[in-house]
């Protein structure tokens, strides 16, 4: 369900307040759904199958507004895993992780539910793939005609497909401390979180906001990419070879 309102938010502070309010609402939704299903679960047999279904039911009802991807796959002959990739750790924190005085970062999370160990809740099952700055989310809100967390989710979904996540999270060839991702219609500067090495999305610059002096060079590169394809540049290389005007 899309709860979008056609109310334009043009102020970044207002957009950040809206984002925090939405995550607070979704945290409350998670608590309500979690309580409902756990109460019903008390009357069921405590089998692995039922524990597994409990996790799937909670995630289905509580994460649908934040969901980027959901898939079930087999590992070996008997193991079944269900993975959810979603924006914001609503089961953990309503206002992201505060790494600096004034800025919050929200994780793009992977939550894997293992049918054999459905209650496992460690770094294998729930992990942050990327952190998204509140500033980047606010830009997504202020540059759209709709006031909705779905604006953020849809924008992020258009960037972080399976190939993008693999490249920037685990590909050794792009383990830069700071780098820029270019897609068909935007570029995104990243830095890596100091202790974990997890990429942090600093901001988001769609094509319609590219600088006039650099538009031709950027658009030639971006438009040569097919849907879902990205290019990753170390920031210094991007600045000298892609972004800066040849003049």
Protein backbone atom coordinates (compact mmCIF):
# COMPACT_ATOMS: atom_id res chain seq x y z
CA UNK A 1 0.00 0.00 0.00
CA UNK A 2 1.29 3.44 -0.97
CA UNK A 3 0.60 6.04 1.73
CA UNK A 4 1.97 8.88 -0.41
CA UNK A 5 0.58 12.37 -0.04
CA UNK A 6 0.88 14.94 -2.81
CA UNK A 7 2.46 17.49 -0.47
CA UNK A 8 5.78 18.89 -1.56
CA UNK A 9 8.53 19.08 1.08
CA UNK A 10 11.25 21.41 -0.14
CA UNK A 11 13.10 21.99 3.14
CA UNK A 12 15.74 19.44 4.17
CA UNK A 13 15.06 19.83 7.90
CA UNK A 14 11.36 19.14 7.32
CA UNK A 15 12.25 16.13 5.18
CA UNK A 16 14.50 14.70 7.91
CA UNK A 17 11.74 15.19 10.49
CA UNK A 18 9.32 13.42 8.16
CA UNK A 19 11.74 10.51 7.68
CA UNK A 20 12.22 10.07 11.44
CA UNK A 21 8.47 10.18 11.94
CA UNK A 22 7.97 7.48 9.31
CA UNK A 23 10.56 5.19 10.90
CA UNK A 24 8.91 5.78 14.28
CA UNK A 25 5.56 4.75 12.76
CA UNK A 26 7.11 1.67 11.16
CA UNK A 27 8.80 0.72 14.43
CA UNK A 28 5.40 0.85 16.12
CA UNK A 29 3.98 -1.29 13.31
CA UNK A 30 6.76 -3.83 13.82
CA UNK A 31 6.05 -4.00 17.57
CA UNK A 32 2.33 -4.48 16.97
CA UNK A 33 2.83 -7.20 14.35
CA UNK A 34 5.50 -8.92 16.43
CA UNK A 35 3.28 -8.97 19.53
CA UNK A 36 0.27 -10.26 17.56
CA UNK A 37 2.11 -13.16 15.96
CA UNK A 38 4.01 -14.14 19.10
CA UNK A 39 0.74 -14.24 21.06
CA UNK A 40 -0.78 -16.54 18.43
CA UNK A 41 2.40 -18.62 18.42
CA UNK A 42 2.00 -19.45 22.13
CA UNK A 43 -0.88 -21.76 21.17
CA UNK A 44 1.16 -23.65 18.56
CA UNK A 45 3.64 -26.49 18.78
CA UNK A 46 7.18 -25.15 19.13
CA UNK A 47 8.54 -26.88 16.04
CA UNK A 48 11.25 -25.53 13.70
CA UNK A 49 8.65 -25.33 10.94
CA UNK A 50 6.39 -23.15 13.06
CA UNK A 51 9.29 -20.97 14.27
CA UNK A 52 10.28 -20.47 10.61
CA UNK A 53 6.75 -19.55 9.60
CA UNK A 54 6.53 -17.15 12.55
CA UNK A 55 9.54 -15.20 11.28
CA UNK A 56 8.18 -15.13 7.72
CA UNK A 57 4.77 -13.89 8.89
CA UNK A 58 6.27 -11.11 11.03
CA UNK A 59 8.55 -9.94 8.21
CA UNK A 60 5.79 -10.09 5.60
CA UNK A 61 3.48 -7.82 7.61
CA UNK A 62 6.03 -5.45 9.15
CA UNK A 63 8.55 -4.88 6.34
CA UNK A 64 6.33 -4.50 3.27
CA UNK A 65 6.71 -0.70 3.08
CA UNK A 66 10.51 -0.93 3.32
CA UNK A 67 11.15 -4.02 1.23
CA UNK A 68 13.63 -3.88 -1.66
CA UNK A 69 13.81 -7.59 -2.40
CA UNK A 70 12.44 -10.85 -1.02
CA UNK A 71 13.48 -14.30 -2.20
CA UNK A 72 13.51 -17.89 -1.04
CA UNK A 73 16.28 -20.23 -2.13
CA UNK A 74 17.73 -23.62 -1.29
CA UNK A 75 21.17 -24.25 0.14
CA UNK A 76 22.08 -27.85 -0.45
CA UNK A 77 19.43 -30.55 -0.69
CA UNK A 78 17.42 -29.78 2.43
CA UNK A 79 18.19 -26.25 3.65
CA UNK A 80 15.77 -23.45 2.81
CA UNK A 81 16.63 -19.79 3.31
CA UNK A 82 14.42 -16.73 2.90
CA UNK A 83 16.17 -13.38 2.49
CA UNK A 84 14.68 -9.92 2.96
CA UNK A 85 16.56 -6.82 1.82
CA UNK A 86 14.99 -3.68 3.21
CA UNK A 87 15.66 -0.09 4.23
CA UNK A 88 16.07 0.72 7.90
CA UNK A 89 16.47 -1.64 10.84
CA UNK A 90 12.96 -1.10 12.21
CA UNK A 91 13.34 -4.04 14.57
CA UNK A 92 16.43 -2.43 16.11
CA UNK A 93 16.28 1.35 15.95
CA UNK A 94 13.72 3.96 14.92
CA UNK A 95 16.14 6.75 14.11
CA UNK A 96 19.10 5.06 12.50
CA UNK A 97 22.63 5.09 13.85
CA UNK A 98 24.02 8.43 14.96
CA UNK A 99 27.64 8.53 13.78
CA UNK A 100 28.05 12.29 13.82
CA UNK A 101 26.57 15.08 15.90
CA UNK A 102 23.82 16.02 13.49
CA UNK A 103 23.53 13.13 11.02
CA UNK A 104 21.80 9.78 11.19
CA UNK A 105 22.48 6.81 8.92
CA UNK A 106 19.95 4.12 8.09
CA UNK A 107 21.09 0.65 7.05
CA UNK A 108 20.10 -1.24 3.95
CA UNK A 109 19.70 -4.57 5.72
CA UNK A 110 19.83 -8.19 4.69
CA UNK A 111 17.82 -10.50 6.96
CA UNK A 112 18.17 -14.20 6.22
CA UNK A 113 15.75 -16.60 7.91
CA UNK A 114 17.15 -20.13 8.00
CA UNK A 115 14.51 -22.86 8.07
CA UNK A 116 16.80 -25.12 10.12
CA UNK A 117 17.72 -22.33 12.58
CA UNK A 118 14.85 -19.84 12.29
CA UNK A 119 15.57 -18.02 15.56
CA UNK A 120 19.22 -17.36 14.72
CA UNK A 121 19.83 -13.63 15.18
CA UNK A 122 23.52 -12.96 14.60
CA UNK A 123 25.66 -11.17 12.03
CA UNK A 124 25.06 -13.91 9.48
CA UNK A 125 21.30 -13.49 9.56
CA UNK A 126 20.92 -9.72 10.03
CA UNK A 127 23.60 -7.44 8.63
CA UNK A 128 23.95 -3.97 7.18
CA UNK A 129 24.99 -3.98 3.52
CA UNK A 130 25.12 -0.20 3.11
CA UNK A 131 24.35 2.80 5.29
CA UNK A 132 22.24 5.57 3.76
CA UNK A 133 22.68 9.06 5.17
CA UNK A 134 19.64 10.95 6.30
CA UNK A 135 20.81 13.76 4.02
CA UNK A 136 20.58 11.43 0.99
CA UNK A 137 17.08 10.31 2.01
CA UNK A 138 16.01 13.93 2.52
CA UNK A 139 17.17 14.74 -1.01
CA UNK A 140 15.03 11.92 -2.36
CA UNK A 141 12.02 13.34 -0.54
CA UNK A 142 12.55 17.00 -1.47
CA UNK A 143 13.13 16.17 -5.14
CA UNK A 144 9.87 14.25 -5.50
CA UNK A 145 6.27 15.41 -5.64
CA UNK A 146 5.12 12.73 -3.20
CA UNK A 147 5.59 12.76 0.57
CA UNK A 148 6.18 9.11 1.37
CA UNK A 149 8.82 6.72 2.66
CA UNK A 150 8.03 4.78 -0.54
CA UNK A 151 9.87 7.52 -2.47
CA UNK A 152 13.04 6.56 -0.58
CA UNK A 153 12.46 2.81 -0.93
CA UNK A 154 11.76 3.02 -4.67
CA UNK A 155 14.81 5.22 -5.28
CA UNK A 156 17.07 2.91 -3.28
CA UNK A 157 15.61 -0.13 -5.06
CA UNK A 158 16.53 1.45 -8.39
CA UNK A 159 20.16 1.72 -7.27
CA UNK A 160 20.88 -1.35 -5.16
CA UNK A 161 20.20 -4.40 -7.25
CA UNK A 162 22.03 -7.67 -6.60
CA UNK A 163 24.94 -6.68 -8.86
CA UNK A 164 25.41 -3.28 -7.17
CA UNK A 165 25.37 -4.78 -3.67
CA UNK A 166 27.88 -7.46 -4.64
CA UNK A 167 30.26 -4.97 -6.21
CA UNK A 168 30.39 -2.35 -3.49
CA UNK A 169 30.03 -4.71 -0.53
CA UNK A 170 32.34 -7.58 -1.40
CA UNK A 171 34.21 -7.03 -4.68
CA UNK A 172 37.90 -6.66 -3.82
CA UNK A 173 38.52 -4.58 -6.96
CA UNK A 174 36.38 -1.70 -5.65
CA UNK A 175 37.41 -1.68 -1.98
CA UNK A 176 38.15 2.05 -2.13
CA UNK A 177 37.93 4.13 1.04
CA UNK A 178 35.81 6.64 -0.84
CA UNK A 179 34.18 6.08 -4.21
CA UNK A 180 31.37 7.12 -6.54
CA UNK A 181 28.75 4.87 -8.13
CA UNK A 182 27.31 5.98 -11.49
CA UNK A 183 24.03 4.51 -12.74
CA UNK A 184 21.93 5.31 -15.81
CA UNK A 185 20.30 8.28 -14.09
CA UNK A 186 22.29 9.33 -11.01
CA UNK A 187 25.62 9.32 -9.26
CA UNK A 188 26.17 8.53 -5.59
CA UNK A 189 29.27 9.37 -3.52
CA UNK A 190 30.24 6.86 -0.80
CA UNK A 191 32.74 6.62 2.03
CA UNK A 192 33.44 3.52 4.10
CA UNK A 193 32.53 3.35 7.78
CA UNK A 194 35.80 3.45 9.66
CA UNK A 195 35.52 0.31 11.77
CA UNK A 196 33.33 -2.00 9.70
CA UNK A 197 34.29 -0.92 6.18
CA UNK A 198 30.59 -0.84 5.27
CA UNK A 199 29.86 1.77 2.56
CA UNK A 200 27.97 4.92 3.58
CA UNK A 201 25.87 6.62 0.91
CA UNK A 202 26.63 10.32 1.47
CA UNK A 203 24.18 11.85 -0.96
CA UNK A 204 22.23 11.18 -4.15
CA UNK A 205 22.46 13.32 -7.30
CA UNK A 206 19.92 12.50 -10.04
CA UNK A 207 20.52 13.48 -13.66
CA UNK A 208 18.26 16.52 -13.57
CA UNK A 209 20.55 18.07 -10.94
CA UNK A 210 23.87 17.49 -12.65
CA UNK A 211 26.02 20.56 -13.13
CA UNK A 212 25.70 22.09 -16.63
CA UNK A 213 29.46 22.15 -17.09
CA UNK A 214 29.73 18.41 -16.48
CA UNK A 215 26.45 17.17 -17.92
CA UNK A 216 27.81 15.99 -21.27
CA UNK A 217 30.61 13.90 -19.83
CA UNK A 218 28.41 12.39 -17.14
CA UNK A 219 25.47 11.70 -19.42
CA UNK A 220 27.64 10.05 -22.07
CA UNK A 221 28.85 7.61 -19.45
CA UNK A 222 25.49 7.09 -17.75
CA UNK A 223 23.54 6.57 -20.96
CA UNK A 224 26.03 3.95 -22.15
CA UNK A 225 25.01 1.73 -19.22
CA UNK A 226 22.23 -0.80 -19.54
CA UNK A 227 19.47 -1.07 -16.93
CA UNK A 228 20.88 -2.34 -13.64
CA UNK A 229 24.50 -1.76 -14.68
CA UNK A 230 26.78 0.53 -12.67
CA UNK A 231 30.30 1.91 -12.81
CA UNK A 232 32.38 2.39 -9.68
CA UNK A 233 35.17 4.99 -9.51
CA UNK A 234 37.54 5.91 -6.76
CA UNK A 235 36.52 9.46 -5.83
CA UNK A 236 39.76 11.06 -7.03
CA UNK A 237 39.43 9.31 -10.41
CA UNK A 238 35.78 10.33 -10.72
CA UNK A 239 36.66 13.95 -9.97
CA UNK A 240 39.51 14.10 -12.48
CA UNK A 241 38.19 11.92 -15.30
CA UNK A 242 34.39 11.89 -15.15
CA UNK A 243 32.90 14.77 -13.21
CA UNK A 244 35.15 17.71 -14.04
CA UNK A 245 34.59 19.55 -17.28
CA UNK A 246 37.25 18.91 -19.95
CA UNK A 247 37.55 22.68 -20.17
